[in-house]
Amino acid sequence: MEFSHDELAGVVDLFGALTRAELSQACDELAFKRGTEFESAETIDDAITAYRLVAIDPADTGVEGMVPEATADDPLLAVGPTAFPTLPDRAEDLPHILDIEPREVDRTVLGAVAEERFRADAARAVADADHARITQLLDVSYDLDAWAPVDLGGVRDRLDDAAAEMDGADDRAGSHAPEIDERTN
């Protein structure tokens, strides 16, 4: 069974923050209730890439509440700027089943973590001339600006310029295509 990114965010939102292992366990429980198995742990990675979830180090974020030993390999996951948290069917029982106390994450610190990652992702997308990722990050930048007290105007300008440059190069390449003489075909 797979969960949408927003369903994963909904599960995380029930608790405030979860480790990957805790989120996987929650998804396993929900899948079990439906008579199936949670098969796509890579969906969690995809949700992080899409900024539906943000990976954070609890030592750096002012997380309040009982926090398990989180490591670089298993940081806490919090709801990200592009998420529309949606509870999957039967998820309301998860806090009782998992026996995890709610956690609070300071949005200002969480925003700083997301901003740092965003800036690195933007630099990588521009360096790789990855037009699809640049376009995706432009959308994320507006969500991130509204979600946390960050200012991504300069990075957004850089992404816009890179996208325009790539679009211009595509247009120029298209205009230099050899003309086909219809009489010879």
N, C-alpha and C. Protein backbone atom coordinates (compact mmCIF):
# COMPACT_ATOMS: atom_id res chain seq x y z
N MET A 1 0.84 -1.16 0.00
CA MET A 1 0.00 0.00 0.00
C MET A 1 0.89 1.23 0.00
N GLU A 2 0.52 2.20 -0.83
CA GLU A 2 1.24 3.46 -0.87
C GLU A 2 0.39 4.56 -0.27
N PHE A 3 1.06 5.54 0.27
CA PHE A 3 0.40 6.72 0.82
C PHE A 3 0.85 7.92 0.00
N SER A 4 -0.05 8.87 -0.18
CA SER A 4 0.33 10.10 -0.88
C SER A 4 1.26 10.91 0.03
N HIS A 5 1.94 11.85 -0.56
CA HIS A 5 2.82 12.73 0.22
C HIS A 5 2.01 13.48 1.28
N ASP A 6 0.82 13.91 0.92
CA ASP A 6 0.00 14.65 1.88
C ASP A 6 -0.53 13.74 2.98
N GLU A 7 -0.75 12.47 2.69
CA GLU A 7 -1.13 11.52 3.75
C GLU A 7 0.03 11.29 4.71
N LEU A 8 1.24 11.19 4.17
CA LEU A 8 2.41 11.06 5.04
C LEU A 8 2.52 12.30 5.93
N ALA A 9 2.32 13.47 5.34
CA ALA A 9 2.36 14.71 6.12
C ALA A 9 1.25 14.72 7.17
N GLY A 10 0.10 14.17 6.86
CA GLY A 10 -1.00 14.09 7.82
C GLY A 10 -0.65 13.22 9.01
N VAL A 11 0.02 12.11 8.76
CA VAL A 11 0.46 11.23 9.84
C VAL A 11 1.49 11.95 10.71
N VAL A 12 2.45 12.60 10.08
CA VAL A 12 3.47 13.34 10.83
C VAL A 12 2.81 14.45 11.64
N ASP A 13 1.83 15.12 11.05
CA ASP A 13 1.16 16.24 11.71
C ASP A 13 0.43 15.80 12.98
N LEU A 14 -0.01 14.55 13.02
CA LEU A 14 -0.65 14.02 14.24
C LEU A 14 0.29 14.10 15.45
N PHE A 15 1.58 13.99 15.19
CA PHE A 15 2.58 13.92 16.26
C PHE A 15 3.45 15.16 16.36
N GLY A 16 3.47 15.97 15.32
CA GLY A 16 4.35 17.14 15.28
C GLY A 16 5.64 16.83 14.56
N ALA A 17 6.24 15.70 14.85
CA ALA A 17 7.46 15.23 14.18
C ALA A 17 7.64 13.75 14.48
N LEU A 18 8.17 13.02 13.51
CA LEU A 18 8.43 11.58 13.67
C LEU A 18 9.77 11.25 13.03
N THR A 19 10.42 10.22 13.53
CA THR A 19 11.58 9.69 12.81
C THR A 19 11.06 8.91 11.61
N ARG A 20 11.93 8.63 10.69
CA ARG A 20 11.55 7.81 9.53
C ARG A 20 11.04 6.44 9.99
N ALA A 21 11.71 5.88 10.99
CA ALA A 21 11.30 4.57 11.51
C ALA A 21 9.89 4.64 12.10
N GLU A 22 9.61 5.72 12.83
CA GLU A 22 8.27 5.88 13.42
C GLU A 22 7.22 6.08 12.33
N LEU A 23 7.55 6.87 11.31
CA LEU A 23 6.60 7.08 10.22
C LEU A 23 6.36 5.78 9.47
N SER A 24 7.41 5.02 9.23
CA SER A 24 7.25 3.72 8.56
C SER A 24 6.39 2.78 9.40
N GLN A 25 6.61 2.80 10.71
CA GLN A 25 5.80 1.96 11.60
C GLN A 25 4.33 2.39 11.55
N ALA A 26 4.08 3.69 11.54
CA ALA A 26 2.71 4.18 11.44
C ALA A 26 2.07 3.74 10.13
N CYS A 27 2.81 3.82 9.04
CA CYS A 27 2.29 3.39 7.75
C CYS A 27 2.05 1.87 7.73
N ASP A 28 2.95 1.13 8.37
CA ASP A 28 2.76 -0.33 8.50
C ASP A 28 1.46 -0.63 9.25
N GLU A 29 1.21 0.11 10.33
CA GLU A 29 -0.01 -0.10 11.13
C GLU A 29 -1.26 0.18 10.30
N LEU A 30 -1.24 1.29 9.57
CA LEU A 30 -2.39 1.64 8.74
C LEU A 30 -2.61 0.62 7.63
N ALA A 31 -1.53 0.18 7.02
CA ALA A 31 -1.65 -0.82 5.96
C ALA A 31 -2.20 -2.13 6.54
N PHE A 32 -1.72 -2.52 7.72
CA PHE A 32 -2.19 -3.74 8.37
C PHE A 32 -3.70 -3.66 8.62
N LYS A 33 -4.17 -2.49 9.07
CA LYS A 33 -5.60 -2.30 9.31
C LYS A 33 -6.42 -2.50 8.04
N ARG A 34 -5.77 -2.28 6.91
CA ARG A 34 -6.46 -2.42 5.62
C ARG A 34 -6.18 -3.78 4.97
N GLY A 35 -5.46 -4.63 5.70
CA GLY A 35 -5.19 -5.97 5.19
C GLY A 35 -4.15 -6.01 4.09
N THR A 36 -3.21 -5.07 4.13
CA THR A 36 -2.15 -5.03 3.11
C THR A 36 -0.83 -4.68 3.80
N GLU A 37 0.19 -4.40 3.01
CA GLU A 37 1.49 -4.04 3.56
C GLU A 37 1.95 -2.70 3.00
N PHE A 38 2.70 -1.96 3.80
CA PHE A 38 3.31 -0.72 3.35
C PHE A 38 4.55 -1.11 2.58
N GLU A 39 4.53 -0.83 1.28
CA GLU A 39 5.59 -1.33 0.42
C GLU A 39 6.53 -0.27 -0.12
N SER A 40 6.21 0.98 0.08
CA SER A 40 6.98 2.00 -0.61
C SER A 40 7.61 3.00 0.34
N ALA A 41 8.64 2.56 1.05
CA ALA A 41 9.35 3.47 1.94
C ALA A 41 10.01 4.60 1.16
N GLU A 42 10.28 4.39 -0.14
CA GLU A 42 10.87 5.46 -0.95
C GLU A 42 9.91 6.63 -1.13
N THR A 43 8.63 6.41 -0.87
CA THR A 43 7.66 7.51 -0.90
C THR A 43 8.05 8.57 0.12
N ILE A 44 8.63 8.16 1.23
CA ILE A 44 9.08 9.13 2.24
C ILE A 44 10.18 10.01 1.64
N ASP A 45 11.13 9.40 0.95
CA ASP A 45 12.19 10.17 0.29
C ASP A 45 11.61 11.14 -0.74
N ASP A 46 10.63 10.66 -1.50
CA ASP A 46 10.00 11.51 -2.50
C ASP A 46 9.28 12.69 -1.84
N ALA A 47 8.64 12.45 -0.69
CA ALA A 47 7.94 13.51 0.03
C ALA A 47 8.93 14.56 0.55
N ILE A 48 10.11 14.12 0.94
CA ILE A 48 11.15 15.05 1.38
C ILE A 48 11.64 15.87 0.18
N THR A 49 11.88 15.22 -0.94
CA THR A 49 12.33 15.91 -2.15
C THR A 49 11.31 16.95 -2.59
N ALA A 50 10.02 16.64 -2.42
CA ALA A 50 8.94 17.55 -2.83
C ALA A 50 8.61 18.60 -1.76
N TYR A 51 9.37 18.61 -0.67
CA TYR A 51 9.15 19.55 0.43
C TYR A 51 7.80 19.36 1.11
N ARG A 52 7.22 18.17 1.02
CA ARG A 52 6.01 17.87 1.80
C ARG A 52 6.43 17.56 3.24
N LEU A 53 7.63 17.00 3.36
CA LEU A 53 8.24 16.74 4.67
C LEU A 53 9.61 17.40 4.69
N VAL A 54 10.02 17.83 5.88
CA VAL A 54 11.35 18.42 6.05
C VAL A 54 12.08 17.59 7.11
N ALA A 55 13.29 17.16 6.79
CA ALA A 55 14.12 16.39 7.71
C ALA A 55 14.89 17.36 8.60
N ILE A 56 14.82 17.14 9.92
CA ILE A 56 15.45 18.05 10.87
C ILE A 56 16.22 17.29 11.94
N ASP A 57 17.25 17.92 12.44
CA ASP A 57 18.01 17.39 13.57
C ASP A 57 17.37 17.95 14.83
N PRO A 58 16.87 17.10 15.73
CA PRO A 58 16.17 17.61 16.90
C PRO A 58 17.04 18.50 17.79
N ALA A 59 18.33 18.33 17.75
CA ALA A 59 19.21 19.16 18.57
C ALA A 59 19.24 20.61 18.06
N ASP A 60 18.94 20.80 16.78
CA ASP A 60 19.02 22.12 16.19
C ASP A 60 17.68 22.83 16.06
N THR A 61 16.59 22.20 16.43
CA THR A 61 15.30 22.76 16.08
C THR A 61 14.41 23.16 17.23
N GLY A 62 14.85 23.01 18.43
CA GLY A 62 13.99 23.36 19.54
C GLY A 62 12.77 22.46 19.63
N VAL A 63 12.94 21.17 19.35
CA VAL A 63 11.83 20.23 19.42
C VAL A 63 11.48 20.01 20.88
N GLU A 64 10.20 20.16 21.19
CA GLU A 64 9.73 19.90 22.55
C GLU A 64 8.95 18.59 22.55
N GLY A 65 9.16 17.80 23.57
CA GLY A 65 8.49 16.50 23.68
C GLY A 65 9.53 15.40 23.67
N MET A 66 9.11 14.22 24.04
CA MET A 66 10.02 13.08 24.07
C MET A 66 10.50 12.79 22.66
N VAL A 67 11.82 12.79 22.49
CA VAL A 67 12.39 12.57 21.17
C VAL A 67 13.31 11.35 21.25
N PRO A 68 13.13 10.39 20.36
CA PRO A 68 14.04 9.25 20.35
C PRO A 68 15.42 9.68 19.87
N GLU A 69 16.35 8.83 20.00
CA GLU A 69 17.70 9.10 19.51
C GLU A 69 17.62 9.27 18.00
N ALA A 70 17.75 10.49 17.52
CA ALA A 70 17.73 10.76 16.09
C ALA A 70 19.17 10.97 15.63
N THR A 71 19.46 10.51 14.45
CA THR A 71 20.81 10.62 13.91
C THR A 71 20.72 11.25 12.52
N ALA A 72 21.88 11.48 11.92
CA ALA A 72 21.90 11.99 10.55
C ALA A 72 21.20 11.01 9.61
N ASP A 73 21.30 9.71 9.92
CA ASP A 73 20.65 8.69 9.10
C ASP A 73 19.17 8.59 9.39
N ASP A 74 18.74 9.04 10.56
CA ASP A 74 17.33 8.96 10.93
C ASP A 74 16.91 10.22 11.67
N PRO A 75 16.86 11.35 10.94
CA PRO A 75 16.45 12.60 11.58
C PRO A 75 14.94 12.61 11.83
N LEU A 76 14.46 13.64 12.47
CA LEU A 76 13.03 13.81 12.63
C LEU A 76 12.46 14.38 11.34
N LEU A 77 11.24 14.01 11.05
CA LEU A 77 10.53 14.53 9.88
C LEU A 77 9.39 15.39 10.38
N ALA A 78 9.25 16.58 9.80
CA ALA A 78 8.16 17.48 10.15
C ALA A 78 7.42 17.85 8.87
N VAL A 79 6.21 18.35 9.02
CA VAL A 79 5.42 18.77 7.87
C VAL A 79 6.11 19.93 7.18
N GLY A 80 6.23 19.85 5.85
CA GLY A 80 6.94 20.85 5.08
C GLY A 80 6.03 21.89 4.45
N PRO A 81 6.63 22.84 3.75
CA PRO A 81 5.90 24.00 3.23
C PRO A 81 4.93 23.69 2.09
N THR A 82 5.11 22.61 1.37
CA THR A 82 4.23 22.32 0.23
C THR A 82 3.12 21.34 0.59
N ALA A 83 3.09 20.90 1.84
CA ALA A 83 2.14 19.87 2.25
C ALA A 83 0.75 20.43 2.52
N PHE A 84 -0.22 19.62 2.21
CA PHE A 84 -1.60 19.81 2.63
C PHE A 84 -1.94 18.56 3.42
N PRO A 85 -1.55 18.53 4.71
CA PRO A 85 -1.70 17.31 5.51
C PRO A 85 -3.12 16.75 5.46
N THR A 86 -3.19 15.47 5.11
CA THR A 86 -4.45 14.76 5.00
C THR A 86 -4.33 13.47 5.79
N LEU A 87 -5.26 13.24 6.69
CA LEU A 87 -5.21 12.00 7.46
C LEU A 87 -5.72 10.84 6.63
N PRO A 88 -4.93 9.79 6.52
CA PRO A 88 -5.42 8.58 5.84
C PRO A 88 -6.54 7.95 6.68
N ASP A 89 -7.36 7.14 6.05
CA ASP A 89 -8.42 6.43 6.78
C ASP A 89 -7.85 5.68 7.97
N ARG A 90 -8.52 5.80 9.10
CA ARG A 90 -8.22 5.09 10.34
C ARG A 90 -6.94 5.57 11.03
N ALA A 91 -6.42 6.72 10.64
CA ALA A 91 -5.18 7.22 11.23
C ALA A 91 -5.39 7.83 12.62
N GLU A 92 -6.62 8.17 12.96
CA GLU A 92 -6.87 8.83 14.24
C GLU A 92 -6.47 7.98 15.44
N ASP A 93 -6.33 6.67 15.28
CA ASP A 93 -5.94 5.79 16.38
C ASP A 93 -4.42 5.67 16.54
N LEU A 94 -3.67 6.20 15.60
CA LEU A 94 -2.22 6.03 15.64
C LEU A 94 -1.55 6.54 16.92
N PRO A 95 -1.95 7.69 17.46
CA PRO A 95 -1.29 8.13 18.70
C PRO A 95 -1.41 7.11 19.84
N HIS A 96 -2.52 6.40 19.90
CA HIS A 96 -2.71 5.38 20.94
C HIS A 96 -1.95 4.10 20.62
N ILE A 97 -1.94 3.75 19.34
CA ILE A 97 -1.27 2.51 18.92
C ILE A 97 0.25 2.65 19.09
N LEU A 98 0.80 3.78 18.66
CA LEU A 98 2.26 3.96 18.67
C LEU A 98 2.78 4.47 20.01
N ASP A 99 1.91 5.01 20.83
CA ASP A 99 2.30 5.52 22.14
C ASP A 99 3.46 6.52 22.03
N ILE A 100 3.28 7.48 21.13
CA ILE A 100 4.27 8.55 20.93
C ILE A 100 3.62 9.84 21.38
N GLU A 101 4.29 10.54 22.27
CA GLU A 101 3.80 11.82 22.76
C GLU A 101 3.93 12.87 21.66
N PRO A 102 3.02 13.84 21.63
CA PRO A 102 3.13 14.91 20.64
C PRO A 102 4.44 15.69 20.81
N ARG A 103 4.96 16.18 19.69
CA ARG A 103 6.19 16.97 19.68
C ARG A 103 5.89 18.29 19.01
N GLU A 104 6.49 19.34 19.50
CA GLU A 104 6.36 20.66 18.89
C GLU A 104 7.69 21.05 18.29
N VAL A 105 7.64 21.57 17.08
CA VAL A 105 8.84 22.03 16.41
C VAL A 105 8.72 23.53 16.18
N ASP A 106 9.74 24.27 16.56
CA ASP A 106 9.76 25.72 16.36
C ASP A 106 9.78 26.02 14.86
N ARG A 107 8.73 26.68 14.38
CA ARG A 107 8.57 26.94 12.94
C ARG A 107 9.70 27.82 12.40
N THR A 108 10.20 28.76 13.20
CA THR A 108 11.28 29.63 12.75
C THR A 108 12.54 28.82 12.48
N VAL A 109 12.86 27.93 13.40
CA VAL A 109 14.06 27.10 13.22
C VAL A 109 13.84 26.10 12.09
N LEU A 110 12.65 25.53 12.02
CA LEU A 110 12.32 24.59 10.94
C LEU A 110 12.42 25.30 9.59
N GLY A 111 11.95 26.55 9.53
CA GLY A 111 12.06 27.33 8.30
C GLY A 111 13.50 27.55 7.90
N ALA A 112 14.37 27.79 8.87
CA ALA A 112 15.79 28.00 8.58
C ALA A 112 16.42 26.72 8.00
N VAL A 113 16.02 25.58 8.54
CA VAL A 113 16.52 24.29 8.03
C VAL A 113 16.04 24.08 6.59
N ALA A 114 14.75 24.35 6.35
CA ALA A 114 14.19 24.19 5.01
C ALA A 114 14.84 25.18 4.04
N GLU A 115 15.09 26.41 4.49
CA GLU A 115 15.72 27.41 3.63
C GLU A 115 17.13 26.97 3.23
N GLU A 116 17.89 26.47 4.19
CA GLU A 116 19.25 26.02 3.89
C GLU A 116 19.23 24.91 2.84
N ARG A 117 18.34 23.95 3.03
CA ARG A 117 18.23 22.85 2.06
C ARG A 117 17.77 23.37 0.71
N PHE A 118 16.81 24.30 0.72
CA PHE A 118 16.30 24.87 -0.52
C PHE A 118 17.42 25.55 -1.30
N ARG A 119 18.22 26.34 -0.62
CA ARG A 119 19.32 27.05 -1.29
C ARG A 119 20.30 26.06 -1.92
N ALA A 120 20.59 24.97 -1.22
CA ALA A 120 21.49 23.94 -1.77
C ALA A 120 20.84 23.25 -2.97
N ASP A 121 19.56 22.93 -2.87
CA ASP A 121 18.85 22.29 -3.99
C ASP A 121 18.81 23.21 -5.20
N ALA A 122 18.58 24.51 -4.97
CA ALA A 122 18.53 25.48 -6.07
C ALA A 122 19.89 25.59 -6.76
N ALA A 123 20.96 25.67 -5.97
CA ALA A 123 22.30 25.77 -6.55
C ALA A 123 22.62 24.53 -7.39
N ARG A 124 22.23 23.36 -6.87
CA ARG A 124 22.48 22.11 -7.59
C ARG A 124 21.67 22.06 -8.89
N ALA A 125 20.41 22.48 -8.84
CA ALA A 125 19.56 22.46 -10.04
C ALA A 125 20.10 23.40 -11.12
N VAL A 126 20.56 24.58 -10.70
CA VAL A 126 21.13 25.53 -11.67
C VAL A 126 22.43 24.98 -12.24
N ALA A 127 23.29 24.44 -11.38
CA ALA A 127 24.57 23.88 -11.85
C ALA A 127 24.35 22.72 -12.82
N ASP A 128 23.31 21.92 -12.56
CA ASP A 128 23.01 20.76 -13.41
C ASP A 128 22.15 21.13 -14.61
N ALA A 129 21.73 22.40 -14.69
CA ALA A 129 20.82 22.86 -15.75
C ALA A 129 19.59 21.95 -15.83
N ASP A 130 19.05 21.63 -14.65
CA ASP A 130 17.88 20.74 -14.54
C ASP A 130 16.61 21.59 -14.58
N HIS A 131 16.10 21.79 -15.77
CA HIS A 131 14.96 22.69 -15.97
C HIS A 131 13.74 22.25 -15.18
N ALA A 132 13.45 20.97 -15.15
CA ALA A 132 12.27 20.48 -14.42
C ALA A 132 12.40 20.76 -12.93
N ARG A 133 13.57 20.53 -12.38
CA ARG A 133 13.78 20.78 -10.94
C ARG A 133 13.74 22.28 -10.65
N ILE A 134 14.31 23.08 -11.53
CA ILE A 134 14.27 24.54 -11.35
C ILE A 134 12.82 25.01 -11.31
N THR A 135 12.00 24.52 -12.21
CA THR A 135 10.59 24.89 -12.25
C THR A 135 9.89 24.47 -10.96
N GLN A 136 10.17 23.26 -10.51
CA GLN A 136 9.58 22.77 -9.26
C GLN A 136 10.02 23.64 -8.08
N LEU A 137 11.30 23.99 -8.03
CA LEU A 137 11.81 24.80 -6.93
C LEU A 137 11.26 26.22 -6.94
N LEU A 138 10.98 26.74 -8.11
CA LEU A 138 10.34 28.06 -8.17
C LEU A 138 8.99 28.02 -7.45
N ASP A 139 8.22 26.98 -7.70
CA ASP A 139 6.93 26.83 -7.02
C ASP A 139 7.13 26.68 -5.51
N VAL A 140 8.10 25.86 -5.13
CA VAL A 140 8.37 25.63 -3.71
C VAL A 140 8.76 26.94 -3.02
N SER A 141 9.50 27.79 -3.72
CA SER A 141 9.98 29.03 -3.10
C SER A 141 8.84 29.90 -2.60
N TYR A 142 7.76 29.96 -3.34
CA TYR A 142 6.61 30.76 -2.89
C TYR A 142 5.96 30.14 -1.66
N ASP A 143 5.83 28.81 -1.66
CA ASP A 143 5.25 28.13 -0.50
C ASP A 143 6.13 28.33 0.73
N LEU A 144 7.44 28.20 0.54
CA LEU A 144 8.37 28.34 1.65
C LEU A 144 8.37 29.76 2.21
N ASP A 145 8.31 30.75 1.34
CA ASP A 145 8.22 32.15 1.79
C ASP A 145 6.99 32.39 2.65
N ALA A 146 5.87 31.78 2.27
CA ALA A 146 4.61 31.98 3.01
C ALA A 146 4.57 31.15 4.29
N TRP A 147 5.29 30.06 4.33
CA TRP A 147 5.24 29.07 5.41
C TRP A 147 6.13 29.44 6.59
N ALA A 148 7.25 30.08 6.31
CA ALA A 148 8.23 30.38 7.36
C ALA A 148 8.80 31.78 7.13
N PRO A 149 9.36 32.36 8.17
CA PRO A 149 9.93 33.71 8.02
C PRO A 149 11.29 33.66 7.30
N VAL A 150 11.23 33.43 6.00
CA VAL A 150 12.45 33.39 5.18
C VAL A 150 12.23 34.33 3.98
N ASP A 151 13.32 34.71 3.35
CA ASP A 151 13.24 35.54 2.15
C ASP A 151 14.06 34.87 1.06
N LEU A 152 13.38 34.34 0.08
CA LEU A 152 14.05 33.62 -0.99
C LEU A 152 14.06 34.39 -2.30
N GLY A 153 13.82 35.71 -2.23
CA GLY A 153 13.75 36.52 -3.44
C GLY A 153 14.98 36.41 -4.32
N GLY A 154 16.17 36.48 -3.74
CA GLY A 154 17.41 36.39 -4.52
C GLY A 154 17.57 35.03 -5.18
N VAL A 155 17.25 33.98 -4.45
CA VAL A 155 17.37 32.63 -5.01
C VAL A 155 16.33 32.46 -6.12
N ARG A 156 15.13 32.97 -5.89
CA ARG A 156 14.07 32.87 -6.89
C ARG A 156 14.49 33.59 -8.17
N ASP A 157 15.11 34.76 -8.03
CA ASP A 157 15.60 35.50 -9.21
C ASP A 157 16.63 34.67 -9.97
N ARG A 158 17.51 34.01 -9.23
CA ARG A 158 18.53 33.17 -9.86
C ARG A 158 17.89 32.00 -10.61
N LEU A 159 16.87 31.39 -9.98
CA LEU A 159 16.15 30.29 -10.64
C LEU A 159 15.40 30.79 -11.87
N ASP A 160 14.76 31.94 -11.75
CA ASP A 160 14.05 32.53 -12.90
C ASP A 160 15.01 32.80 -14.06
N ASP A 161 16.17 33.38 -13.75
CA ASP A 161 17.16 33.68 -14.78
C ASP A 161 17.65 32.40 -15.45
N ALA A 162 17.91 31.37 -14.66
CA ALA A 162 18.38 30.09 -15.21
C ALA A 162 17.32 29.47 -16.11
N ALA A 163 16.06 29.52 -15.67
CA ALA A 163 14.97 28.95 -16.47
C ALA A 163 14.82 29.73 -17.77
N ALA A 164 14.88 31.05 -17.70
CA ALA A 164 14.75 31.89 -18.90
C ALA A 164 15.90 31.63 -19.86
N GLU A 165 17.10 31.48 -19.32
CA GLU A 165 18.26 31.20 -20.16
C GLU A 165 18.10 29.86 -20.89
N MET A 166 17.61 28.86 -20.16
CA MET A 166 17.39 27.54 -20.78
C MET A 166 16.29 27.61 -21.82
N ASP A 167 15.22 28.36 -21.53
CA ASP A 167 14.14 28.51 -22.50
C ASP A 167 14.64 29.23 -23.75
N GLY A 168 15.48 30.26 -23.55
CA GLY A 168 16.05 30.99 -24.68
C GLY A 168 16.95 30.10 -25.52
N ALA A 169 17.73 29.26 -24.86
CA ALA A 169 18.61 28.34 -25.59
C ALA A 169 17.78 27.35 -26.39
N ASP A 170 16.69 26.88 -25.82
CA ASP A 170 15.80 25.96 -26.54
C ASP A 170 15.19 26.65 -27.76
N ASP A 171 14.78 27.91 -27.58
CA ASP A 171 14.19 28.66 -28.69
C ASP A 171 15.21 28.87 -29.80
N ARG A 172 16.45 29.22 -29.40
CA ARG A 172 17.50 29.44 -30.41
C ARG A 172 17.84 28.15 -31.14
N ALA A 173 17.87 27.05 -30.41
CA ALA A 173 18.16 25.76 -31.05
C ALA A 173 17.06 25.39 -32.02
N GLY A 174 15.84 25.70 -31.66
CA GLY A 174 14.72 25.40 -32.55
C GLY A 174 14.72 26.26 -33.79
N SER A 175 15.18 27.51 -33.69
CA SER A 175 15.17 28.41 -34.84
C SER A 175 16.31 28.12 -35.81
N HIS A 176 17.31 27.36 -35.39
CA HIS A 176 18.43 27.02 -36.27
C HIS A 176 18.27 25.65 -36.90
N ALA A 177 17.11 25.08 -36.77
CA ALA A 177 16.87 23.78 -37.39
C ALA A 177 16.84 23.98 -38.90
N PRO A 178 17.43 23.05 -39.62
CA PRO A 178 17.44 23.20 -41.07
C PRO A 178 16.01 23.16 -41.62
N GLU A 179 15.78 24.01 -42.60
CA GLU A 179 14.47 24.03 -43.23
C GLU A 179 14.38 22.87 -44.19
N ILE A 180 13.21 22.30 -44.27
CA ILE A 180 13.00 21.16 -45.18
C ILE A 180 12.31 21.69 -46.44
N ASP A 181 12.90 21.35 -47.54
CA ASP A 181 12.31 21.74 -48.80
C ASP A 181 11.21 20.73 -49.13
N GLU A 182 9.99 21.19 -49.10
CA GLU A 182 8.86 20.29 -49.31
C GLU A 182 8.86 19.69 -50.72
N ARG A 183 9.50 20.33 -51.68
CA ARG A 183 9.49 19.82 -53.05
C ARG A 183 10.32 18.55 -53.18
N THR A 184 11.30 18.34 -52.27
CA THR A 184 12.16 17.17 -52.41
C THR A 184 11.67 16.00 -51.58
N ASN A 185 10.65 16.19 -50.82
CA ASN A 185 10.14 15.10 -49.99
C ASN A 185 8.93 14.48 -50.56
